[in-house]
């Protein structure tokens, strides 16, 4: 770099001025030449970013994007960082060519170098990330910009969140939003929230979007109307009408005064789907009031089609009438006419339906063709069949006229059309016409089937071409002429230059269908074509078509096929053909057997079926040569790779027992008899020797074969045979004795359990200077360890540490040797040697050391041995073993130790889930709470919001369980107030929390907490309350004596307000259904209890089932609902009367009176002289029937009885007064439709 400032350097000024001229005139070649001249001329100033900036600007201006990567690379070579303006020029050029991927690549590299970006460049980069759907690059670019010191704003994050949404990664969008708030401390003005919600909606995460809207409402953030409309549209399209209505209401409460026509239309559909017709009509009236200028037909057509299956038919009629005032008939979609005709038919306006059909047909004369869609005709037929006013003859005439129009325009008339028209004729009494229609329908369906079948055949051009040759001919089954003809045809197709295998397959199918045999020549021609054009599927189908009995020379023919497949490298298909031959008793001769076996061994193939078949065929000759036996050894290697040790033994026995080896065996006998081995054999034949590899594989096969579990089977033959083969190997290959042979002998002795011989043999190998293999070292370590010769184990450790490679590094120890060494040291409590081996001996890993400590029941020492050098994989393994050992506290200790060493963010969430589940199962609730609280508090650098959705859900549900067991209702309620959770809360979470409140020892405190949870459910979020939550809320009102008003002139009680909310939102069916279900459950519990009393002896493990709602509470709630607008059914009253033994007399009497009133049809009538107080009569329970809870000792009750009412009764009542609940629930009750 030139150290002279360019302001005072005359040469630099001239160069920059010249480059400015080239940039303004677009002379990019001259600019590049000037850069080259400056680079080569030492007298000129050195290249700097300003020169590159002007040259790149010239190239970008002329659209020469192909030279830009080279210039950027030159800058990197010159150790120059691009300027912000340089980035602008390059990105602008890429944008013009829409090279989105290049923009993302450039941004990733530039931001990694710390290049600052202009606002225009940043937004272009985010658009590119969205276009290529690369959300990961979006997140990495934002992180790199933050590390480079760029000041990021909420607008930057909004653009990044939008890109993540375009990349179909709403989870990344949520991560960016959390990063904006927690790491950068930015507050959103609504744009980032809009982009986050849009990303969630467009990717189908509607529940997450609703939770985001709930957070928006809680924070008081104002969003624009389009994001509300987009979400409402998606909710309606997915059938979530109730949630859509709540979201629309939130939008209006947020200050939106002028929603668009489209938004009002979708809200109208949402209200109709939620059975709130008055609100739907209000939306429609607002649309009429707006009187939208320049309306678009498609918008209103879609609006009307959404009303096709709703109950409010009159609304659909009104919408269509308004559409007719806005548009000409030719602009109205036929789907809109179909909906209107169907609606008028349901209303009985048959003439209006016919007039609309005629209007639609008339509008199609000049502007468009009559629809081929059969729905409009079915709608008219259904309308005519429902008619009870018009003349039947007129209906018949209109039906026939519509049928003629449909027959002309609809290509294929399906059965529903016939059924609808038959309904018209049946309703008008035209029986003769009806019979004619039925006959016509049967004929038409048969003809349509033939036409469709012919169309299906005609679609396959190759098949049609192949079949057309023999169309109309009658083949003589079994005719030699036909077989010869097909043989010629297939042979000719096989020789064609292009692929004709499809036609070959068609002719083969034709031969099979005619019963013609497939001959040898046809098979060879077909396989030639399949190999040539790689049609392997036809090769498989040929096995199904082939009759081996019809072949002239079946073994040669199939052998030719198998040879072709193996030569082509299709081992799997060749194996299938071999198995096919063996199933039919064929032994196909395969070409190039020895070469194929050698290739399979070199490629480490596992195709044991092919190798064993080829080796068996190789040994089928009467005389073998050395190459044949070597091929058998290759086959045994393949079988060993496939772990078929039984076949290895069979191949060894077959090779060693072959007659060709008798000359060598005679020579062996001569040696054993004492004669000189140098004497010549009787015949001058070179002896055949079993290869050393085959010996070794046979011995390994015998050692590795699993032992049988049968008691009466003696497995000692394996060891005896292994010893015999080992002795024979040493005799045959005595001149090539090495450490591997002795190592194998050591392995045999170790398998036999002769540890004394193992130790002696190993010491002999050490004295002879032979290097043992890993099997021998492993056996020696085990033998010395069992002999308690720790000094020899340490000596082997020293040998391993002195064994170095050519670079002077210690060689890596085999895993089995390393494990045996560490296990021996752990058993001997040589902890220092154990630590030294892990630190200095490659192959002795920390994971192995921890594993052997666990196996030797030293789990506490394993946790203490764990340190910062342990990898995450080692931690996972040890953690898994600790969790399986049944000591979750020790597992939690390890997890906390790992988090202190590497940070809590390095702990996988699944590990936390597993250990907390184990802690809960063992009853260690306090430890589990402390562990999970680290994520909730966020004091360890990791926040719960940053964790995956499933972990957030586990944490929330586990803490809900723990708080419920401890009775920490305030902490439980705070869980439901968490913002920006990545999983959707459901009504089941509220049900579980309210159940814990209802089962609280302090009924008043539990009832108040339950009401607070219900308030949270109804005022936060969009969760639809269930009938069970309403029953639990009414139970809380009953326990607080706020179910009924105090006197006749008092304001509404809390129970009445809750019931008004039920009626307001149409949840009566859910409450009634849940009430009936709870009563049925109570009856079943009573029956089971009575049965146990009769039996007097309970089975072990049985316990009386308890319910949150008692029989008395169910009866009081049912009577309360009956008196306030939700009458009971006779069945419900009868079920409640079955519980009369468990109810007070006053309640039983009123239930009996209600039953008589219902049977006499009097409706809701107050019982004379009955005055049932809302206060329950508390009876002392004789036995404990409540559900056993797992609580720590400090929270355990002192007796089995429920704790008596608290003395702070008045304070608890004041906490749940009507005045307080009226503030929250009164707007819901007074919200008029």
Foldseek 3Di string as FASTA:
>chain_A
DDPDDLVPDPLSVVLLVVLQVLLVVLVLVVLVVSLVVQCPDPVGDHDAQSSLQSSLSSCLVVLVLVCVVVSVVVCVVVVYQHAQSSLVSNLSSCVVVVVLVVLLVVLLVNLQVLHDYDPVSLLSNLVSLLVVLPLVSLVSSVVSNVVSPHQDALVSLLSSLLSNLSSLHLVSLLLSVCCCCPVVVYDDQASSLLSSLVSCLVNVNLLLSLQSVLVCLVVLHQYDQVSLQSSLQSCLVVLNLLLNLVSVVSNVVSPDDDHDLLSLLSNLLSCQSLVNNVSSVVSVVVSVVVVDPPDQQVSLLVSLLSCQPGPPLVVSLVSVVVSVVVDPLLRHDVSSLLSNLLSCLVVQVLVVSLVSVVSNCVSCPPPHHDDLDCSSLLSNLSSLLSHDPDQLVVSLVSNVVSVVSNPVRHPADDVVNLVSSLSSCVSSVVVVVSVVSVVVVVVSVVVVVVVVVVVVCVVDPLLCVLCVVCPPHDDDQADPVVQVVLLVVLLVQLPDPDQPLVSNVSSLVVCVVSNYAQELSSLVSNLSSCLVVVVVVVVVVVLVSHDLVPYPDSQASLQVSLQSCVVSVVLVSSLVSVVSQVVVVHLHDHPPLLVSLVVCLVVLAQSLSSLLSSLVVLLPDLADDQSSLVSLLSSLSSPVSNVNLVSLLVSVCSVVPHPNQVQVVVLVVCVVVPHDSPDDTPDPDDHHDRDLSSLVSNLVSLLPDDDDPDPPDDSVVSLVVSVVSLVVSCVVPVVVDAQASLLSVLLSCLSVVVLVVLCVSVVVCVVVVGDHDLSSLLSNLVSCLVVVVVVVLVVVVVVQLCCADPVRARDAHDQSNLLSSLLSCVVVVVVVVNVVCCVRHHNNHLLSNLVSCVVVVNLVVSLVVDDLVDDPVSLVSNLVSCLVVLDLVSSVVSLVRVCVNPNNVSDALVSLLSSLVSCVVVLVLVSNCVSLVCQPVCPRVHHLLSHDQVSNVSSLVSVLQSCLLLVVLVVNLVSLVDGSRPDRDALVSLLSNLLSLLLDLAVLRSLLSLLVSVLCVVPGTSYDHFLSSLLSNLLSCLQLLQLADPDDPDDHGPNLLSVLLCVLSVRLVRNLVVLLVVLVVQLVLVVVVVVCVVVVDDDPPDARDDDSAHLQSSLLVQVSCQQNPNNDDLVSLVSSLSCVVVYDPLSNVQSVVSNVCVVVVVGRDGDPPRDDRSHDDDDWDPDQRDDDGSDDPVSDDPDRTRDDHDPCSVVSSVSVGPVVVCVSRVCSSPVDD
